[in-house]
């Protein structure tokens, strides 16, 4: 996850909006009356594994088409109604999927949107590691979420992604890897899958072995943009098995253990640094996008704030 591209553009021409979406792997046809006040603004960051895009589309408009990747649409403002394969719904604050190969159209007015793009192959790999099934294929049964709580969860994850874009922390590989993990698991958790993945039982000895393998992998690779999915793969465990192993043997989650190791590395760097150190940059470099949260965790672990530590 090292190469990033960013697209920022605006237009009031529906045909030019079609071309801008084509840059995201979309084939769409916007339509709007000449006096309907159409405007199209996009800010998108593309990582090799996923992409996040913010759209502000003004006026009254409609469109139809599809994306090459799986697209999770999060409408945060305005009026937006969609239709997919004959199903219809209001998308405002209710995320939905645009799946490749499914007929999509919408009608909207002054819509603010955050789109998350995930390739089907990448999401399949995440699902296979998560559920411990190397033959699993990811097929979503429907475009809507499983329920209101799942809608809130997905919308929160998308909002955080947009905030990372605004704050500039998206450029840090560790932050980006963590965000990808969150968004991929949110997709698998929030939308209905046609398959029924089931966990396999693990003996206590097997659980300890998986914990040791996972902990060693974290300690050896914490400076790299690894996620708990990578830890699970290295430990030969499903996500549920990995979490159970770390809860049992480390009294925390695998993600918590990874953050603990990175916090320790950040502590060592602060001890060797001076007061001119950019704390926001240091925290983000170790995977902490929110410097205030980083400071609280640092104080809880070491009895002082990182700001105080830099002054010593």
Protein backbone atom coordinates (compact mmCIF):
# COMPACT_ATOMS: atom_id res chain seq x y z
CA UNK A 1 0.00 0.00 0.00
CA UNK A 2 2.64 2.51 -0.98
CA UNK A 3 1.45 4.22 -4.18
CA UNK A 4 -1.27 6.85 -3.98
CA UNK A 5 -2.98 8.94 -6.60
CA UNK A 6 -5.42 11.76 -5.96
CA UNK A 7 -8.10 13.15 -8.23
CA UNK A 8 -9.73 16.52 -7.59
CA UNK A 9 -12.00 18.01 -10.21
CA UNK A 10 -15.19 19.97 -10.81
CA UNK A 11 -17.60 20.39 -13.70
CA UNK A 12 -21.10 21.57 -14.53
CA UNK A 13 -21.29 19.36 -17.63
CA UNK A 14 -22.98 15.95 -17.12
CA UNK A 15 -20.88 14.44 -19.92
CA UNK A 16 -17.69 15.53 -18.17
CA UNK A 17 -19.02 13.98 -14.94
CA UNK A 18 -19.38 10.71 -16.86
CA UNK A 19 -15.70 10.95 -17.81
CA UNK A 20 -14.64 11.65 -14.22
CA UNK A 21 -16.45 8.55 -13.00
CA UNK A 22 -14.81 6.58 -15.80
CA UNK A 23 -11.50 7.40 -14.10
CA UNK A 24 -12.86 5.46 -11.09
CA UNK A 25 -13.75 2.45 -13.22
CA UNK A 26 -17.34 3.53 -13.69
CA UNK A 27 -19.54 3.51 -16.77
CA UNK A 28 -22.28 6.06 -16.09
CA UNK A 29 -24.55 8.45 -17.95
CA UNK A 30 -25.58 11.55 -16.01
CA UNK A 31 -28.65 13.49 -17.06
CA UNK A 32 -29.83 16.89 -15.85
CA UNK A 33 -32.00 19.65 -17.28
CA UNK A 34 -30.05 22.75 -18.39
CA UNK A 35 -31.67 24.92 -15.71
CA UNK A 36 -31.46 22.33 -12.90
CA UNK A 37 -28.21 23.72 -11.44
CA UNK A 38 -26.11 20.60 -12.04
CA UNK A 39 -22.58 20.64 -10.56
CA UNK A 40 -20.15 17.80 -9.91
CA UNK A 41 -17.20 17.96 -7.49
CA UNK A 42 -14.98 14.97 -6.72
CA UNK A 43 -12.05 14.42 -4.37
CA UNK A 44 -10.71 10.87 -4.57
CA UNK A 45 -7.67 9.03 -3.24
CA UNK A 46 -6.73 5.74 -4.92
CA UNK A 47 -4.61 3.12 -3.19
CA UNK A 48 -3.70 -0.18 -4.93
CA UNK A 49 -6.04 -2.02 -2.54
CA UNK A 50 -9.00 0.37 -2.24
CA UNK A 51 -10.22 3.86 -2.95
CA UNK A 52 -12.20 6.55 -1.14
CA UNK A 53 -14.04 9.32 -3.00
CA UNK A 54 -16.08 12.30 -1.83
CA UNK A 55 -18.69 13.71 -4.19
CA UNK A 56 -20.77 16.87 -3.94
CA UNK A 57 -23.30 16.73 -6.78
CA UNK A 58 -25.55 19.75 -6.92
CA UNK A 59 -28.87 20.38 -8.60
CA UNK A 60 -31.44 17.86 -9.69
CA UNK A 61 -29.97 14.93 -11.63
CA UNK A 62 -30.16 11.23 -12.39
CA UNK A 63 -27.71 8.61 -13.56
CA UNK A 64 -27.40 4.92 -14.36
CA UNK A 65 -24.51 2.52 -14.90
CA UNK A 66 -22.06 0.36 -12.95
CA UNK A 67 -18.54 0.23 -11.51
CA UNK A 68 -15.87 -2.38 -12.19
CA UNK A 69 -15.24 -2.70 -8.44
CA UNK A 70 -17.66 -3.18 -5.59
CA UNK A 71 -18.84 0.29 -4.57
CA UNK A 72 -20.30 1.11 -1.15
CA UNK A 73 -22.33 4.30 -1.48
CA UNK A 74 -22.75 6.44 1.66
CA UNK A 75 -25.09 9.40 1.16
CA UNK A 76 -24.60 11.96 3.94
CA UNK A 77 -26.82 14.76 2.67
CA UNK A 78 -29.44 15.72 0.12
CA UNK A 79 -32.11 13.61 -1.55
CA UNK A 80 -31.09 10.31 -3.17
CA UNK A 81 -33.22 7.37 -4.29
CA UNK A 82 -31.78 4.29 -6.00
CA UNK A 83 -33.07 1.30 -7.93
CA UNK A 84 -31.10 -1.94 -8.44
CA UNK A 85 -32.56 -4.99 -10.17
CA UNK A 86 -36.07 -3.72 -9.39
CA UNK A 87 -35.40 -3.02 -5.68
CA UNK A 88 -35.87 0.63 -4.64
CA UNK A 89 -34.87 2.57 -1.51
CA UNK A 90 -33.91 5.95 -0.07
CA UNK A 91 -30.12 6.10 0.40
CA UNK A 92 -29.88 9.08 2.73
CA UNK A 93 -27.76 7.87 5.68
CA UNK A 94 -28.47 4.29 4.59
CA UNK A 95 -25.45 2.82 2.73
CA UNK A 96 -25.94 0.44 -0.17
CA UNK A 97 -23.88 -1.61 -2.63
CA UNK A 98 -23.42 -1.14 -6.34
CA UNK A 99 -22.26 -4.59 -7.44
CA UNK A 100 -20.62 -5.26 -10.80
CA UNK A 101 -23.11 -6.76 -13.24
CA UNK A 102 -26.24 -5.38 -11.56
CA UNK A 103 -28.45 -2.72 -13.14
CA UNK A 104 -28.29 0.52 -11.16
CA UNK A 105 -29.96 3.89 -11.48
CA UNK A 106 -30.71 6.77 -9.15
CA UNK A 107 -32.46 10.13 -8.92
CA UNK A 108 -31.02 12.76 -6.59
CA UNK A 109 -30.98 16.41 -5.58
CA UNK A 110 -27.97 18.17 -3.99
CA UNK A 111 -26.31 14.96 -2.79
CA UNK A 112 -23.18 14.64 -0.65
CA UNK A 113 -21.67 11.17 -1.05
CA UNK A 114 -18.70 9.14 0.19
CA UNK A 115 -17.96 6.12 -1.99
CA UNK A 116 -15.74 3.23 -0.91
CA UNK A 117 -14.34 1.11 -3.75
CA UNK A 118 -13.12 -2.44 -3.08
CA UNK A 119 -12.07 -4.90 -5.76
CA UNK A 120 -14.00 -8.20 -5.62
CA UNK A 121 -10.71 -10.15 -5.67
CA UNK A 122 -9.26 -8.21 -2.74
CA UNK A 123 -12.45 -8.55 -0.72
CA UNK A 124 -12.52 -12.29 -1.50
CA UNK A 125 -8.99 -12.64 -0.10
CA UNK A 126 -10.00 -10.78 3.05
CA UNK A 127 -13.06 -13.01 3.47
CA UNK A 128 -11.05 -16.20 3.00
CA UNK A 129 -8.64 -15.17 5.74
CA UNK A 130 -11.42 -13.90 7.98
CA UNK A 131 -13.47 -17.09 7.79
CA UNK A 132 -10.65 -19.59 7.25
CA UNK A 133 -12.04 -20.92 3.99
CA UNK A 134 -9.64 -20.83 1.04
CA UNK A 135 -12.44 -21.68 -1.38
CA UNK A 136 -14.92 -19.03 -0.21
CA UNK A 137 -16.41 -16.77 -2.86
CA UNK A 138 -17.94 -13.46 -1.79
CA UNK A 139 -21.43 -13.02 -3.19
CA UNK A 140 -23.75 -10.41 -1.69
CA UNK A 141 -27.44 -11.28 -1.67
CA UNK A 142 -28.80 -7.74 -1.74
CA UNK A 143 -27.65 -4.12 -2.05
CA UNK A 144 -28.95 -2.96 1.34
CA UNK A 145 -27.39 -3.46 4.77
CA UNK A 146 -28.57 -6.08 7.25
CA UNK A 147 -30.29 -3.45 9.39
CA UNK A 148 -30.15 0.07 10.89
CA UNK A 149 -27.24 -0.70 13.23
CA UNK A 150 -25.22 -2.05 10.30
CA UNK A 151 -26.05 1.09 8.32
CA UNK A 152 -24.76 3.25 11.17
CA UNK A 153 -21.59 1.16 11.44
CA UNK A 154 -20.83 1.36 7.72
CA UNK A 155 -21.59 5.06 7.57
CA UNK A 156 -19.28 5.73 10.51
CA UNK A 157 -16.45 3.80 8.83
CA UNK A 158 -16.92 5.79 5.61
CA UNK A 159 -17.04 9.08 7.53
CA UNK A 160 -13.74 8.24 9.24
CA UNK A 161 -12.21 7.49 5.82
CA UNK A 162 -13.30 10.91 4.57
CA UNK A 163 -11.89 12.57 7.69
CA UNK A 164 -8.54 10.89 7.09
CA UNK A 165 -8.54 12.39 3.59
CA UNK A 166 -9.18 15.87 5.00
CA UNK A 167 -6.58 15.54 7.76
CA UNK A 168 -3.87 14.26 5.44
CA UNK A 169 -3.20 11.15 7.54
CA UNK A 170 -4.39 8.96 4.65
CA UNK A 171 -0.89 9.24 3.17
CA UNK A 172 0.69 7.23 6.01
CA UNK A 173 0.92 3.53 5.07
CA UNK A 174 0.12 2.18 8.57
CA UNK A 175 -2.99 4.36 8.86
CA UNK A 176 -4.09 3.39 5.37
CA UNK A 177 -3.61 -0.32 6.00
CA UNK A 178 -5.70 -0.11 9.17
CA UNK A 179 -8.41 1.81 7.31
CA UNK A 180 -8.53 -0.76 4.52
CA UNK A 181 -8.92 -3.54 7.09
CA UNK A 182 -11.77 -1.66 8.79
CA UNK A 183 -13.62 -0.95 5.53
CA UNK A 184 -13.23 -4.48 4.15
CA UNK A 185 -14.50 -6.09 7.34
CA UNK A 186 -17.32 -3.55 7.53
CA UNK A 187 -18.46 -4.59 4.05
CA UNK A 188 -18.43 -8.27 5.05
CA UNK A 189 -20.19 -7.54 8.34
CA UNK A 190 -22.84 -5.08 7.20
CA UNK A 191 -24.18 -6.54 3.94
CA UNK A 192 -25.89 -9.94 3.47
CA UNK A 193 -23.63 -12.70 2.14
CA UNK A 194 -25.07 -15.66 0.26
CA UNK A 195 -22.57 -18.04 1.89
CA UNK A 196 -22.66 -19.14 5.54
CA UNK A 197 -19.05 -19.26 6.76
CA UNK A 198 -18.61 -21.29 9.94
CA UNK A 199 -15.75 -21.32 12.43
CA UNK A 200 -13.73 -24.43 13.22
CA UNK A 201 -12.99 -25.46 16.81
CA UNK A 202 -9.40 -25.07 18.06
CA UNK A 203 -7.78 -27.02 20.90
CA UNK A 204 -6.10 -25.07 23.77
CA UNK A 205 -2.68 -26.13 22.46
CA UNK A 206 -3.61 -24.98 18.98
CA UNK A 207 -4.85 -21.69 20.36
CA UNK A 208 -1.54 -21.07 22.20
CA UNK A 209 0.41 -21.92 19.06
CA UNK A 210 -1.63 -19.44 17.04
CA UNK A 211 -1.14 -16.74 19.65
CA UNK A 212 2.64 -17.22 19.70
CA UNK A 213 2.84 -17.16 15.92
CA UNK A 214 0.65 -14.07 15.73
CA UNK A 215 2.50 -12.21 18.48
CA UNK A 216 5.88 -12.95 16.89
CA UNK A 217 4.63 -11.74 13.53
CA UNK A 218 3.39 -8.48 15.07
CA UNK A 219 6.64 -7.85 16.92
CA UNK A 220 8.70 -8.51 13.79
CA UNK A 221 6.56 -6.45 11.39
CA UNK A 222 4.92 -3.67 13.44
CA UNK A 223 6.74 -0.95 11.50
CA UNK A 224 5.18 -2.19 8.24
CA UNK A 225 1.57 -1.57 7.05
CA UNK A 226 0.28 -4.90 8.38
CA UNK A 227 -3.27 -5.45 9.64
CA UNK A 228 -4.82 -8.13 11.81
CA UNK A 229 -5.76 -9.91 8.60
CA UNK A 230 -2.04 -10.35 7.91
CA UNK A 231 -1.56 -11.53 11.48
CA UNK A 232 -4.34 -14.10 11.10
CA UNK A 233 -2.82 -15.41 7.89
CA UNK A 234 0.63 -15.67 9.49
CA UNK A 235 -0.86 -17.49 12.50
CA UNK A 236 -2.92 -19.86 10.36
CA UNK A 237 -6.11 -18.68 12.06
CA UNK A 238 -9.48 -17.24 11.19
CA UNK A 239 -10.25 -13.81 12.60
CA UNK A 240 -12.43 -15.28 15.34
CA UNK A 241 -9.74 -17.83 16.26
CA UNK A 242 -7.09 -15.11 16.35
CA UNK A 243 -9.20 -12.88 18.58
CA UNK A 244 -9.90 -15.78 20.97
CA UNK A 245 -6.19 -16.63 21.14
CA UNK A 246 -5.14 -13.07 21.96
CA UNK A 247 -7.98 -12.53 24.44
CA UNK A 248 -6.96 -15.70 26.25
CA UNK A 249 -3.18 -15.24 26.27
CA UNK A 250 -2.70 -11.46 26.12
CA UNK A 251 -5.96 -10.14 27.64
CA UNK A 252 -6.47 -7.91 24.60
CA UNK A 253 -7.47 -8.19 20.96
CA UNK A 254 -4.95 -8.79 18.19
CA UNK A 255 -5.52 -5.21 17.07
CA UNK A 256 -4.92 -4.02 20.64
CA UNK A 257 -1.69 -6.02 20.80
CA UNK A 258 -0.53 -4.50 17.50
CA UNK A 259 -1.30 -1.00 18.78
CA UNK A 260 0.53 -1.77 22.05
CA UNK A 261 3.68 -2.78 20.16
CA UNK A 262 3.48 0.31 17.93
CA UNK A 263 2.89 2.53 20.96
CA UNK A 264 6.06 1.11 22.51
CA UNK A 265 7.99 1.86 19.32
CA UNK A 266 6.62 5.41 19.30
CA UNK A 267 7.68 5.74 22.96
CA UNK A 268 11.24 4.75 22.05
CA UNK A 269 11.28 7.28 19.21
CA UNK A 270 10.00 10.05 21.48
CA UNK A 271 12.69 9.23 24.05
CA UNK A 272 15.32 9.78 21.37
CA UNK A 273 13.71 12.95 19.98
CA UNK A 274 13.63 16.61 20.94
CA UNK A 275 10.91 19.22 21.55
CA UNK A 276 10.87 20.25 17.87
CA UNK A 277 9.46 16.84 16.87
CA UNK A 278 6.17 16.96 14.98
CA UNK A 279 4.00 14.80 17.22
CA UNK A 280 1.15 14.53 14.70
CA UNK A 281 3.55 13.13 12.10
CA UNK A 282 5.20 10.76 14.57
CA UNK A 283 1.86 9.38 15.76
CA UNK A 284 0.56 8.88 12.21
CA UNK A 285 3.81 7.20 11.17
CA UNK A 286 3.10 4.55 13.83
CA UNK A 287 -0.50 4.12 12.74
CA UNK A 288 -2.29 6.55 15.09
CA UNK A 289 -4.34 8.91 12.93
CA UNK A 290 -5.86 10.75 15.92
CA UNK A 291 -3.10 12.48 17.90
CA UNK A 292 -5.39 13.19 20.86
CA UNK A 293 -6.22 9.51 21.19
CA UNK A 294 -2.55 8.68 20.81
CA UNK A 295 -1.70 11.10 23.64
CA UNK A 296 -4.28 9.52 25.95
CA UNK A 297 -2.99 6.02 25.28
CA UNK A 298 0.58 7.18 25.75
CA UNK A 299 -0.27 8.79 29.09
CA UNK A 300 -2.15 5.68 30.26
CA UNK A 301 0.84 3.49 29.37
CA UNK A 302 3.73 5.69 30.50
CA UNK A 303 2.29 8.06 33.09
CA UNK A 304 2.95 11.26 31.16
CA UNK A 305 1.88 12.87 27.92
CA UNK A 306 4.11 12.57 24.86
CA UNK A 307 4.35 16.36 24.82
CA UNK A 308 5.88 16.27 28.31
CA UNK A 309 8.21 13.43 27.33
CA UNK A 310 9.53 15.46 24.37
CA UNK A 311 10.45 18.34 26.70
CA UNK A 312 12.63 16.22 28.96
